[in-house]
C-alpha atoms as a PDB file:
ATOM      1  CA  UNK A   1      -0.095   7.707 -27.520  1.00  0.00           C
ATOM      2  CA  UNK A   2       2.116   4.638 -27.114  1.00  0.00           C
ATOM      3  CA  UNK A   3       0.661   1.873 -25.007  1.00  0.00           C
ATOM      4  CA  UNK A   4       3.980   1.743 -23.155  1.00  0.00           C
ATOM      5  CA  UNK A   5       3.416   5.261 -21.816  1.00  0.00           C
ATOM      6  CA  UNK A   6       0.058   4.429 -20.232  1.00  0.00           C
ATOM      7  CA  UNK A   7       1.420   2.794 -17.031  1.00  0.00           C
ATOM      8  CA  UNK A   8       3.936   5.638 -16.707  1.00  0.00           C
ATOM      9  CA  UNK A   9       1.147   8.215 -16.926  1.00  0.00           C
ATOM     10  CA  UNK A  10      -0.927   6.369 -14.351  1.00  0.00           C
ATOM     11  CA  UNK A  11       2.022   6.209 -11.935  1.00  0.00           C
ATOM     12  CA  UNK A  12       2.834   9.866 -12.556  1.00  0.00           C
ATOM     13  CA  UNK A  13      -0.735  10.964 -11.922  1.00  0.00           C
ATOM     14  CA  UNK A  14      -0.914   8.803  -8.806  1.00  0.00           C
ATOM     15  CA  UNK A  15       2.269  10.423  -7.492  1.00  0.00           C
ATOM     16  CA  UNK A  16       0.853  13.858  -8.299  1.00  0.00           C
ATOM     17  CA  UNK A  17      -2.325  13.133  -6.328  1.00  0.00           C
ATOM     18  CA  UNK A  18      -0.325  11.883  -3.339  1.00  0.00           C
ATOM     19  CA  UNK A  19       1.875  15.001  -3.396  1.00  0.00           C
ATOM     20  CA  UNK A  20      -1.191  17.240  -3.513  1.00  0.00           C
ATOM     21  CA  UNK A  21      -2.644  15.312  -0.585  1.00  0.00           C
ATOM     22  CA  UNK A  22       0.540  15.823   1.456  1.00  0.00           C
ATOM     23  CA  UNK A  23       0.159  19.576   1.067  1.00  0.00           C
ATOM     24  CA  UNK A  24      -3.290  19.404   2.654  1.00  0.00           C
ATOM     25  CA  UNK A  25      -2.172  19.425   6.276  1.00  0.00           C
ATOM     26  CA  UNK A  26      -5.716  19.358   7.640  1.00  0.00           C
ATOM     27  CA  UNK A  27      -6.525  16.234   5.630  1.00  0.00           C
ATOM     28  CA  UNK A  28      -3.348  14.505   6.841  1.00  0.00           C
ATOM     29  CA  UNK A  29      -4.146  15.299  10.465  1.00  0.00           C
ATOM     30  CA  UNK A  30      -7.708  14.062   9.986  1.00  0.00           C
ATOM     31  CA  UNK A  31      -6.547  10.816   8.382  1.00  0.00           C
ATOM     32  CA  UNK A  32      -4.344  10.164  11.426  1.00  0.00           C
ATOM     33  CA  UNK A  33      -6.767  11.261  14.119  1.00  0.00           C
ATOM     34  CA  UNK A  34     -10.023   9.892  12.683  1.00  0.00           C
ATOM     35  CA  UNK A  35      -9.273   6.147  13.071  1.00  0.00           C
ATOM     36  CA  UNK A  36      -8.117   6.687  16.652  1.00  0.00           C
ATOM     37  CA  UNK A  37     -11.134   8.786  17.579  1.00  0.00           C
ATOM     38  CA  UNK A  38     -13.628   6.422  15.957  1.00  0.00           C
ATOM     39  CA  UNK A  39     -12.195   3.411  17.788  1.00  0.00           C
ATOM     40  CA  UNK A  40     -12.265   5.288  21.097  1.00  0.00           C
ATOM     41  CA  UNK A  41     -15.810   6.589  20.550  1.00  0.00           C
ATOM     42  CA  UNK A  42     -17.339   3.279  19.525  1.00  0.00           C
ATOM     43  CA  UNK A  43     -15.469   1.037  21.968  1.00  0.00           C
ATOM     44  CA  UNK A  44     -15.369   3.202  25.097  1.00  0.00           C
ATOM     45  CA  UNK A  45     -18.409   5.462  24.711  1.00  0.00           C
ATOM     46  CA  UNK A  46     -20.925   3.169  22.950  1.00  0.00           C
ATOM     47  CA  UNK A  47     -19.497  -0.310  23.461  1.00  0.00           C
ATOM     48  CA  UNK A  48     -20.667  -0.699  27.057  1.00  0.00           C
ATOM     49  CA  UNK A  49     -24.290  -0.148  26.031  1.00  0.00           C
ATOM     50  CA  UNK A  50     -24.277  -2.496  23.013  1.00  0.00           C
ATOM     51  CA  UNK A  51     -24.564  -6.269  23.441  1.00  0.00           C
ATOM     52  CA  UNK A  52     -23.113  -8.184  20.496  1.00  0.00           C
ATOM     53  CA  UNK A  53     -22.324 -11.407  22.343  1.00  0.00           C
ATOM     54  CA  UNK A  54     -18.590 -10.677  22.265  1.00  0.00           C
ATOM     55  CA  UNK A  55     -16.146  -7.923  23.212  1.00  0.00           C
ATOM     56  CA  UNK A  56     -17.293  -4.880  21.279  1.00  0.00           C
ATOM     57  CA  UNK A  57     -13.800  -4.043  20.033  1.00  0.00           C
ATOM     58  CA  UNK A  58     -13.773  -7.478  18.376  1.00  0.00           C
ATOM     59  CA  UNK A  59     -17.125  -6.815  16.723  1.00  0.00           C
ATOM     60  CA  UNK A  60     -16.609  -3.244  15.564  1.00  0.00           C
ATOM     61  CA  UNK A  61     -13.178  -3.221  13.867  1.00  0.00           C
ATOM     62  CA  UNK A  62     -14.417  -4.000  10.306  1.00  0.00           C
ATOM     63  CA  UNK A  63     -17.106  -1.337  10.617  1.00  0.00           C
ATOM     64  CA  UNK A  64     -14.634   1.325  11.722  1.00  0.00           C
ATOM     65  CA  UNK A  65     -12.370   0.477   8.792  1.00  0.00           C
ATOM     66  CA  UNK A  66     -15.234   0.909   6.331  1.00  0.00           C
ATOM     67  CA  UNK A  67     -16.310   4.123   8.029  1.00  0.00           C
ATOM     68  CA  UNK A  68     -12.792   5.533   7.585  1.00  0.00           C
ATOM     69  CA  UNK A  69     -12.892   4.500   3.916  1.00  0.00           C
ATOM     70  CA  UNK A  70     -16.250   6.240   3.478  1.00  0.00           C
ATOM     71  CA  UNK A  71     -14.950   9.432   5.099  1.00  0.00           C
ATOM     72  CA  UNK A  72     -11.901   9.289   2.823  1.00  0.00           C
ATOM     73  CA  UNK A  73     -14.155   9.190  -0.225  1.00  0.00           C
ATOM     74  CA  UNK A  74     -15.008  12.841   0.391  1.00  0.00           C
ATOM     75  CA  UNK A  75     -11.367  13.828  -0.084  1.00  0.00           C
ATOM     76  CA  UNK A  76     -11.157  11.840  -3.325  1.00  0.00           C
ATOM     77  CA  UNK A  77     -14.349  13.339  -4.730  1.00  0.00           C
ATOM     78  CA  UNK A  78     -13.209  16.828  -3.744  1.00  0.00           C
ATOM     79  CA  UNK A  79      -9.804  16.355  -5.408  1.00  0.00           C
ATOM     80  CA  UNK A  80     -11.405  15.215  -8.666  1.00  0.00           C
ATOM     81  CA  UNK A  81     -13.869  18.115  -8.613  1.00  0.00           C
ATOM     82  CA  UNK A  82     -11.041  20.547  -7.901  1.00  0.00           C
ATOM     83  CA  UNK A  83      -9.168  19.317 -10.977  1.00  0.00           C
ATOM     84  CA  UNK A  84     -12.265  19.629 -13.141  1.00  0.00           C
ATOM     85  CA  UNK A  85     -13.042  23.190 -12.015  1.00  0.00           C
ATOM     86  CA  UNK A  86      -9.505  24.534 -11.508  1.00  0.00           C
ATOM     87  CA  UNK A  87      -8.310  24.572 -15.109  1.00  0.00           C
ATOM     88  CA  UNK A  88      -5.591  21.936 -14.690  1.00  0.00           C
ATOM     89  CA  UNK A  89      -7.351  19.451 -16.987  1.00  0.00           C
ATOM     90  CA  UNK A  90      -6.701  21.568 -20.110  1.00  0.00           C
ATOM     91  CA  UNK A  91      -3.027  21.804 -19.217  1.00  0.00           C
ATOM     92  CA  UNK A  92      -2.715  18.052 -18.648  1.00  0.00           C
ATOM     93  CA  UNK A  93      -4.511  17.271 -21.902  1.00  0.00           C
ATOM     94  CA  UNK A  94      -2.127  19.608 -23.764  1.00  0.00           C
ATOM     95  CA  UNK A  95       0.648  17.337 -22.446  1.00  0.00           C
ATOM     96  CA  UNK A  96      -1.161  14.334 -23.945  1.00  0.00           C
ATOM     97  CA  UNK A  97      -2.277  13.018 -20.557  1.00  0.00           C
ATOM     98  CA  UNK A  98      -5.582  11.207 -21.022  1.00  0.00           C
ATOM     99  CA  UNK A  99      -8.633  11.173 -18.785  1.00  0.00           C
ATOM    100  CA  UNK A 100      -8.127   7.540 -17.681  1.00  0.00           C
ATOM    101  CA  UNK A 101      -4.670   8.374 -16.338  1.00  0.00           C
ATOM    102  CA  UNK A 102      -5.915  11.463 -14.486  1.00  0.00           C
ATOM    103  CA  UNK A 103      -8.769   9.583 -12.808  1.00  0.00           C
ATOM    104  CA  UNK A 104      -6.674   6.481 -12.134  1.00  0.00           C
ATOM    105  CA  UNK A 105      -4.135   8.720 -10.400  1.00  0.00           C
ATOM    106  CA  UNK A 106      -6.775  10.003  -8.008  1.00  0.00           C
ATOM    107  CA  UNK A 107      -8.027   6.469  -7.379  1.00  0.00           C
ATOM    108  CA  UNK A 108      -4.505   5.136  -6.766  1.00  0.00           C
ATOM    109  CA  UNK A 109      -3.822   7.894  -4.253  1.00  0.00           C
ATOM    110  CA  UNK A 110      -7.156   7.188  -2.563  1.00  0.00           C
ATOM    111  CA  UNK A 111      -6.334   3.483  -2.298  1.00  0.00           C
ATOM    112  CA  UNK A 112      -2.937   4.273  -0.759  1.00  0.00           C
ATOM    113  CA  UNK A 113      -4.445   6.671   1.784  1.00  0.00           C
ATOM    114  CA  UNK A 114      -7.194   4.273   2.792  1.00  0.00           C
ATOM    115  CA  UNK A 115      -4.876   1.275   3.086  1.00  0.00           C
ATOM    116  CA  UNK A 116      -2.760   3.344   5.482  1.00  0.00           C
ATOM    117  CA  UNK A 117      -5.904   4.337   7.400  1.00  0.00           C
ATOM    118  CA  UNK A 118      -6.958   0.673   7.670  1.00  0.00           C
ATOM    119  CA  UNK A 119      -3.537  -0.320   9.007  1.00  0.00           C
ATOM    120  CA  UNK A 120      -3.847   2.455  11.579  1.00  0.00           C
ATOM    121  CA  UNK A 121      -7.273   1.139  12.635  1.00  0.00           C
ATOM    122  CA  UNK A 122      -5.747  -2.301  13.155  1.00  0.00           C
ATOM    123  CA  UNK A 123      -2.939  -0.799  15.197  1.00  0.00           C
ATOM    124  CA  UNK A 124      -5.325   1.074  17.486  1.00  0.00           C
ATOM    125  CA  UNK A 125      -7.586  -1.981  17.761  1.00  0.00           C
ATOM    126  CA  UNK A 126      -4.678  -4.219  18.806  1.00  0.00           C
ATOM    127  CA  UNK A 127      -3.710  -1.668  21.429  1.00  0.00           C
ATOM    128  CA  UNK A 128      -7.166  -1.725  23.041  1.00  0.00           C
ATOM    129  CA  UNK A 129      -7.747  -5.472  22.950  1.00  0.00           C
ATOM    130  CA  UNK A 130      -8.574  -6.724  19.448  1.00  0.00           C
ATOM    131  CA  UNK A 131      -7.223 -10.234  18.951  1.00  0.00           C
ATOM    132  CA  UNK A 132      -7.910 -11.872  15.562  1.00  0.00           C
ATOM    133  CA  UNK A 133      -7.651 -15.635  15.041  1.00  0.00           C
ATOM    134  CA  UNK A 134      -7.173 -15.710  11.283  1.00  0.00           C
ATOM    135  CA  UNK A 135      -4.881 -18.060   9.406  1.00  0.00           C
ATOM    136  CA  UNK A 136      -2.526 -16.765   6.734  1.00  0.00           C
ATOM    137  CA  UNK A 137      -5.061 -17.623   4.024  1.00  0.00           C
ATOM    138  CA  UNK A 138      -7.843 -15.838   5.916  1.00  0.00           C
ATOM    139  CA  UNK A 139      -5.633 -12.760   6.374  1.00  0.00           C
ATOM    140  CA  UNK A 140      -4.959 -12.696   2.639  1.00  0.00           C
ATOM    141  CA  UNK A 141      -8.657 -13.119   1.821  1.00  0.00           C
ATOM    142  CA  UNK A 142      -9.629 -10.327   4.239  1.00  0.00           C
ATOM    143  CA  UNK A 143      -6.928  -8.037   2.824  1.00  0.00           C
ATOM    144  CA  UNK A 144      -8.062  -8.777  -0.732  1.00  0.00           C
ATOM    145  CA  UNK A 145     -11.682  -7.949   0.066  1.00  0.00           C
ATOM    146  CA  UNK A 146     -10.671  -4.767   1.884  1.00  0.00           C
ATOM    147  CA  UNK A 147      -8.524  -3.529  -1.013  1.00  0.00           C
ATOM    148  CA  UNK A 148     -11.333  -4.374  -3.441  1.00  0.00           C
ATOM    149  CA  UNK A 149     -13.764  -2.368  -1.296  1.00  0.00           C
ATOM    150  CA  UNK A 150     -11.371   0.573  -1.182  1.00  0.00           C
ATOM    151  CA  UNK A 151     -10.958   0.449  -4.960  1.00  0.00           C
ATOM    152  CA  UNK A 152     -14.717   0.338  -5.539  1.00  0.00           C
ATOM    153  CA  UNK A 153     -15.393   3.245  -3.154  1.00  0.00           C
ATOM    154  CA  UNK A 154     -12.537   5.254  -4.674  1.00  0.00           C
ATOM    155  CA  UNK A 155     -13.928   4.884  -8.205  1.00  0.00           C
ATOM    156  CA  UNK A 156     -17.411   5.760  -6.955  1.00  0.00           C
ATOM    157  CA  UNK A 157     -15.988   8.868  -5.270  1.00  0.00           C
ATOM    158  CA  UNK A 158     -14.227   9.829  -8.512  1.00  0.00           C
ATOM    159  CA  UNK A 159     -17.521   9.563 -10.403  1.00  0.00           C
ATOM    160  CA  UNK A 160     -19.257  11.731  -7.786  1.00  0.00           C
ATOM    161  CA  UNK A 161     -16.437  14.267  -8.042  1.00  0.00           C
ATOM    162  CA  UNK A 162     -17.009  14.482 -11.791  1.00  0.00           C
ATOM    163  CA  UNK A 163     -20.732  14.883 -11.241  1.00  0.00           C
ATOM    164  CA  UNK A 164     -20.332  17.755  -8.756  1.00  0.00           C
ATOM    165  CA  UNK A 165     -20.053  21.402  -9.723  1.00  0.00           C
ATOM    166  CA  UNK A 166     -17.513  22.253  -7.003  1.00  0.00           C
ATOM    167  CA  UNK A 167     -15.215  20.521  -4.481  1.00  0.00           C
ATOM    168  CA  UNK A 168     -17.591  21.479  -1.667  1.00  0.00           C
ATOM    169  CA  UNK A 169     -20.537  19.908  -3.462  1.00  0.00           C
ATOM    170  CA  UNK A 170     -18.459  16.791  -4.187  1.00  0.00           C
ATOM    171  CA  UNK A 171     -17.813  16.228  -0.494  1.00  0.00           C
ATOM    172  CA  UNK A 172     -21.545  16.539   0.150  1.00  0.00           C
ATOM    173  CA  UNK A 173     -22.324  13.994  -2.565  1.00  0.00           C
ATOM    174  CA  UNK A 174     -20.405  11.335  -0.627  1.00  0.00           C
ATOM    175  CA  UNK A 175     -22.795  11.529   2.332  1.00  0.00           C
ATOM    176  CA  UNK A 176     -24.614   8.447   1.100  1.00  0.00           C
ATOM    177  CA  UNK A 177     -21.372   6.440   1.195  1.00  0.00           C
ATOM    178  CA  UNK A 178     -20.749   7.580   4.757  1.00  0.00           C
ATOM    179  CA  UNK A 179     -24.295   6.686   5.823  1.00  0.00           C
ATOM    180  CA  UNK A 180     -24.284   3.066   4.608  1.00  0.00           C
ATOM    181  CA  UNK A 181     -22.051   1.589   7.352  1.00  0.00           C
ATOM    182  CA  UNK A 182     -24.447   2.851  10.019  1.00  0.00           C
ATOM    183  CA  UNK A 183     -27.420   1.090   8.389  1.00  0.00           C
ATOM    184  CA  UNK A 184     -25.676  -2.284   8.329  1.00  0.00           C
ATOM    185  CA  UNK A 185     -24.313  -4.910  10.702  1.00  0.00           C
ATOM    186  CA  UNK A 186     -21.118  -2.858  11.127  1.00  0.00           C
ATOM    187  CA  UNK A 187     -21.957  -1.543  14.596  1.00  0.00           C
ATOM    188  CA  UNK A 188     -25.010  -3.496  15.786  1.00  0.00           C
ATOM    189  CA  UNK A 189     -26.554  -6.833  14.737  1.00  0.00           C
ATOM    190  CA  UNK A 190     -29.241  -6.319  12.115  1.00  0.00           C
ATOM    191  CA  UNK A 191     -31.771  -8.371  14.101  1.00  0.00           C
ATOM    192  CA  UNK A 192     -31.895  -5.555  16.684  1.00  0.00           C
ATOM    193  CA  UNK A 193     -33.192  -3.103  14.063  1.00  0.00           C
ATOM    194  CA  UNK A 194     -36.849  -2.348  13.257  1.00  0.00           C
ATOM    195  CA  UNK A 195     -38.308  -4.746  10.689  1.00  0.00           C
ATOM    196  CA  UNK A 196     -38.637  -2.015   8.029  1.00  0.00           C
ATOM    197  CA  UNK A 197     -34.916  -1.239   8.308  1.00  0.00           C
ATOM    198  CA  UNK A 198     -33.702  -4.804   8.807  1.00  0.00           C
ATOM    199  CA  UNK A 199     -34.376  -5.817   5.210  1.00  0.00           C
ATOM    200  CA  UNK A 200     -32.406  -2.908   3.819  1.00  0.00           C
ATOM    201  CA  UNK A 201     -29.530  -3.423   6.266  1.00  0.00           C
ATOM    202  CA  UNK A 202     -29.223  -7.111   5.433  1.00  0.00           C
ATOM    203  CA  UNK A 203     -29.227  -6.589   1.659  1.00  0.00           C
ATOM    204  CA  UNK A 204     -27.067  -3.518   1.103  1.00  0.00           C
ATOM    205  CA  UNK A 205     -23.346  -3.798   0.167  1.00  0.00           C
ATOM    206  CA  UNK A 206     -21.757  -3.014   3.536  1.00  0.00           C
ATOM    207  CA  UNK A 207     -23.300  -5.914   5.482  1.00  0.00           C
ATOM    208  CA  UNK A 208     -21.768  -8.803   3.481  1.00  0.00           C
ATOM    209  CA  UNK A 209     -18.457  -6.924   3.396  1.00  0.00           C
ATOM    210  CA  UNK A 210     -18.441  -6.469   7.169  1.00  0.00           C
ATOM    211  CA  UNK A 211     -19.594 -10.039   7.799  1.00  0.00           C
ATOM    212  CA  UNK A 212     -16.826 -11.329   5.513  1.00  0.00           C
ATOM    213  CA  UNK A 213     -14.085  -9.321   7.204  1.00  0.00           C
ATOM    214  CA  UNK A 214     -15.332 -10.130  10.706  1.00  0.00           C
ATOM    215  CA  UNK A 215     -15.714 -13.852   9.989  1.00  0.00           C
ATOM    216  CA  UNK A 216     -12.324 -14.176   8.281  1.00  0.00           C
ATOM    217  CA  UNK A 217     -10.424 -12.262  10.968  1.00  0.00           C
ATOM    218  CA  UNK A 218     -12.090 -14.140  13.823  1.00  0.00           C
ATOM    219  CA  UNK A 219     -12.006 -17.563  12.109  1.00  0.00           C
ATOM    220  CA  UNK A 220     -15.794 -17.827  12.091  1.00  0.00           C
ATOM    221  CA  UNK A 221     -18.120 -19.257   9.405  1.00  0.00           C
ATOM    222  CA  UNK A 222     -18.698 -16.737   6.612  1.00  0.00           C
ATOM    223  CA  UNK A 223     -21.086 -18.652   4.331  1.00  0.00           C
ATOM    224  CA  UNK A 224     -21.706 -16.866   1.055  1.00  0.00           C
ATOM    225  CA  UNK A 225     -20.867 -13.408   2.444  1.00  0.00           C
ATOM    226  CA  UNK A 226     -17.446 -13.116   0.709  1.00  0.00           C
ATOM    227  CA  UNK A 227     -18.932 -13.914  -2.700  1.00  0.00           C
ATOM    228  CA  UNK A 228     -21.676 -11.349  -2.164  1.00  0.00           C
ATOM    229  CA  UNK A 229     -19.087  -8.798  -1.018  1.00  0.00           C
ATOM    230  CA  UNK A 230     -16.917  -9.373  -4.096  1.00  0.00           C
ATOM    231  CA  UNK A 231     -19.962  -9.223  -6.410  1.00  0.00           C
ATOM    232  CA  UNK A 232     -21.102  -5.918  -4.897  1.00  0.00           C
ATOM    233  CA  UNK A 233     -17.605  -4.416  -5.156  1.00  0.00           C
ATOM    234  CA  UNK A 234     -17.100  -5.489  -8.764  1.00  0.00           C
ATOM    235  CA  UNK A 235     -20.536  -4.175  -9.736  1.00  0.00           C
ATOM    236  CA  UNK A 236     -19.961  -0.804  -8.028  1.00  0.00           C
ATOM    237  CA  UNK A 237     -16.514  -0.520  -9.576  1.00  0.00           C
ATOM    238  CA  UNK A 238     -17.708  -1.388 -13.073  1.00  0.00           C
ATOM    239  CA  UNK A 239     -20.589   1.089 -12.972  1.00  0.00           C
ATOM    240  CA  UNK A 240     -18.367   3.794 -11.466  1.00  0.00           C
ATOM    241  CA  UNK A 241     -15.618   3.358 -14.079  1.00  0.00           C
ATOM    242  CA  UNK A 242     -18.108   3.563 -16.951  1.00  0.00           C
ATOM    243  CA  UNK A 243     -19.843   6.561 -15.362  1.00  0.00           C
ATOM    244  CA  UNK A 244     -16.489   8.273 -14.785  1.00  0.00           C
ATOM    245  CA  UNK A 245     -15.483   7.808 -18.425  1.00  0.00           C
ATOM    246  CA  UNK A 246     -18.772   9.200 -19.699  1.00  0.00           C
ATOM    247  CA  UNK A 247     -18.802  12.132 -17.277  1.00  0.00           C
ATOM    248  CA  UNK A 248     -15.183  13.053 -18.004  1.00  0.00           C
ATOM    249  CA  UNK A 249     -15.835  12.981 -21.743  1.00  0.00           C
ATOM    250  CA  UNK A 250     -18.966  15.101 -21.363  1.00  0.00           C
ATOM    251  CA  UNK A 251     -17.220  17.679 -19.160  1.00  0.00           C
ATOM    252  CA  UNK A 252     -14.147  18.015 -21.353  1.00  0.00           C
ATOM    253  CA  UNK A 253     -15.874  17.944 -24.736  1.00  0.00           C
ATOM    254  CA  UNK A 254     -14.723  20.755 -26.952  1.00  0.00           C
END
C-alpha cells in the first residue's frame, strides 16, 4: 500500500462512519436533545440545591460537556463492534483497507460528533446565563484540551468496541466512562464528598480536565491542572491505540 493512500483511506473511512451515523435517526435526535436536557436538568432541577459559590450554570458547563462526550462513546463503541461482527471487515480488507484506517475513521467521526455536541452545550449554556471571561489564548487552550479529551475517549471507545462481542455489549462496556464525571468535581466540589471518595475524585482523569476547562473559561487560576489533564489524555490515548491495534489483529487473524 502506498503511503500516499493512507490519508485518503482515513478520510474515506471517516466519511463512511459519518454517513452511517446520519442514517441512525435515533442517535441524531439524541445527540441534539441530550445536551439541552442535561443543561436543563442540572441547572434548573439540581442547581438550586447545590452551593458552589457561584452561579451553577457557570460551574457545571465543563461537566456537562464531558458527560455528553462520555454518552457519545457508547455510539462509537457500538459502531466498531457492529463492523467487527457484521462481516464488513472482510470486504474492506479485500479492498486493501487496513485496520488503522477503519478504526481511525470511527474515531474521526466520533470527534466530529462530539465537537458538535460541545458547541451545542455552549449554545444552550449561553442562552441560560453562562458568561465566560476567557481571553483568545485561554479559549484556544480550552478548545485544545477539549479536543484532546474527545480524541482520547474516542480511541478508548474504539478499543472497548473491539473487546465486545456485540454492539449491545459494547455500549454497556462504556458505562465506566459515563460514570467518571459524576465521581469528580464536574458537578459538585470534591471537598463535599465523603473522605473515602474524595481521594478518588481528586485523582481520576476527569477532575483535572474539568478544573482546566472551568479555570480557562472563567479566567481563574488553573495551577498544574492543564498539564495533568494533557498527561491523562495522552496516556489514555496511547494505551487505547495500542490496545486497539492488538485487538483488531487478534480478531481478524486468519
